[in-house]
C-alpha cells in the first residue's frame, strides 16, 4: 500500500487539530463529521481501496466504541479500542516510528 495520496491535497482546514466542542455529548457527532471529511478528502486525493477500507473500519469501530461508552458499557467500549490498537501492529498507515529513540 502506497500512501502517496496523503500528499495529494488530503489535509484540509476542517481537519486541523485541536478542535473544540461545547459539550462532551457533542463529541461523537462532531467526530463523525470529521471522519466523513477524512473519507471524502481521501477519495478526492485518490486513496487506494485498502486505505479507504481502513478509514471506514476504524472510524466505524471508534464511533461504535463511543456509543457504548455513552451507554455506560465501558468494558465493551475498551475492548473495541483494544482490538483496533492490537490489530494496528506496524501498519505504516497508522504507525510512524521515525524519530523514536530506543
Protein backbone atom coordinates (compact mmCIF):
# COMPACT_ATOMS: atom_id res chain seq x y z
CA UNK A 1 0.00 0.00 0.00
CA UNK A 2 1.48 3.31 -1.07
CA UNK A 3 0.38 6.35 0.86
CA UNK A 4 1.36 8.98 -1.70
CA UNK A 5 -2.28 10.11 -1.77
CA UNK A 6 -1.69 11.74 1.64
CA UNK A 7 0.28 14.41 -0.24
CA UNK A 8 -2.42 14.98 -2.88
CA UNK A 9 -4.33 17.68 -1.04
CA UNK A 10 -5.67 15.31 1.61
CA UNK A 11 -5.20 17.66 4.57
CA UNK A 12 -7.71 20.50 4.69
CA UNK A 13 -8.58 23.24 7.14
CA UNK A 14 -11.51 21.25 8.57
CA UNK A 15 -9.08 18.56 9.77
CA UNK A 16 -6.73 20.86 11.67
CA UNK A 17 -6.41 19.96 15.32
CA UNK A 18 -7.15 20.69 18.02
CA UNK A 19 -10.82 21.40 17.64
CA UNK A 20 -13.22 22.49 20.36
CA UNK A 21 -16.68 21.33 21.29
CA UNK A 22 -19.13 22.94 23.69
CA UNK A 23 -20.34 19.81 25.48
CA UNK A 24 -18.98 16.28 25.84
CA UNK A 25 -22.12 14.84 24.26
CA UNK A 26 -21.34 16.82 21.07
CA UNK A 27 -18.05 14.99 20.65
CA UNK A 28 -19.48 11.90 18.97
CA UNK A 29 -21.42 13.79 16.29
CA UNK A 30 -18.52 16.14 15.65
CA UNK A 31 -16.13 13.21 15.34
CA UNK A 32 -18.45 11.50 12.86
CA UNK A 33 -18.46 14.67 10.75
CA UNK A 34 -14.64 14.74 10.87
CA UNK A 35 -14.49 11.09 9.78
CA UNK A 36 -16.80 11.90 6.85
CA UNK A 37 -14.43 14.70 5.86
CA UNK A 38 -11.46 12.33 6.14
CA UNK A 39 -13.17 9.85 3.83
CA UNK A 40 -14.18 12.48 1.29
CA UNK A 41 -10.69 14.01 1.29
CA UNK A 42 -9.13 10.55 0.90
CA UNK A 43 -11.36 9.83 -2.10
CA UNK A 44 -10.53 13.22 -3.66
CA UNK A 45 -6.83 12.51 -3.14
CA UNK A 46 -7.21 9.18 -4.97
CA UNK A 47 -6.58 6.96 -1.96
CA UNK A 48 -6.23 3.28 -2.75
CA UNK A 49 -9.02 0.83 -1.87
CA UNK A 50 -7.13 -0.62 1.10
CA UNK A 51 -6.68 2.82 2.66
CA UNK A 52 -10.37 3.63 2.17
CA UNK A 53 -11.31 0.31 3.77
CA UNK A 54 -9.05 1.03 6.76
CA UNK A 55 -10.52 4.51 7.20
CA UNK A 56 -14.04 3.06 7.09
CA UNK A 57 -13.34 0.20 9.51
CA UNK A 58 -11.51 2.31 12.07
CA UNK A 59 -13.94 5.23 12.01
CA UNK A 60 -16.92 2.87 12.33
CA UNK A 61 -15.34 0.97 15.22
CA UNK A 62 -14.31 4.13 17.08
CA UNK A 63 -17.82 5.56 16.77
CA UNK A 64 -19.24 2.24 17.95
CA UNK A 65 -16.90 2.37 20.94
CA UNK A 66 -18.10 5.89 21.78
CA UNK A 67 -21.74 4.79 21.52
CA UNK A 68 -21.03 2.01 24.02
CA UNK A 69 -19.14 4.42 26.27
CA UNK A 70 -22.10 6.81 26.35
CA UNK A 71 -24.35 3.83 27.21
CA UNK A 72 -22.01 3.11 30.16
CA UNK A 73 -20.71 -0.13 28.64
CA UNK A 74 -17.12 0.86 29.37
CA UNK A 75 -15.76 -2.69 29.22
CA UNK A 76 -17.02 -3.35 25.67
CA UNK A 77 -16.02 0.16 24.59
CA UNK A 78 -12.49 -0.55 25.82
CA UNK A 79 -12.48 -3.96 24.10
CA UNK A 80 -13.19 -2.36 20.73
CA UNK A 81 -10.33 0.11 21.15
CA UNK A 82 -8.02 -2.65 22.39
CA UNK A 83 -8.79 -4.74 19.29
CA UNK A 84 -8.14 -1.78 16.99
CA UNK A 85 -4.84 -0.96 18.63
CA UNK A 86 -3.78 -4.61 18.71
CA UNK A 87 -4.55 -5.00 15.00
CA UNK A 88 -2.51 -1.93 14.03
CA UNK A 89 0.81 -3.66 14.64
CA UNK A 90 3.30 -1.86 12.46
CA UNK A 91 0.84 -0.76 9.79
CA UNK A 92 2.51 2.25 8.09
CA UNK A 93 -0.90 3.90 7.71
CA UNK A 94 -1.16 4.30 11.47
CA UNK A 95 2.33 3.93 12.89
CA UNK A 96 5.32 6.11 12.20
CA UNK A 97 8.38 5.17 14.17
CA UNK A 98 10.58 7.85 12.62
CA UNK A 99 12.19 9.77 15.41
CA UNK A 100 11.56 7.07 18.01
CA UNK A 101 14.60 6.67 20.19
CA UNK A 102 15.50 3.43 21.82
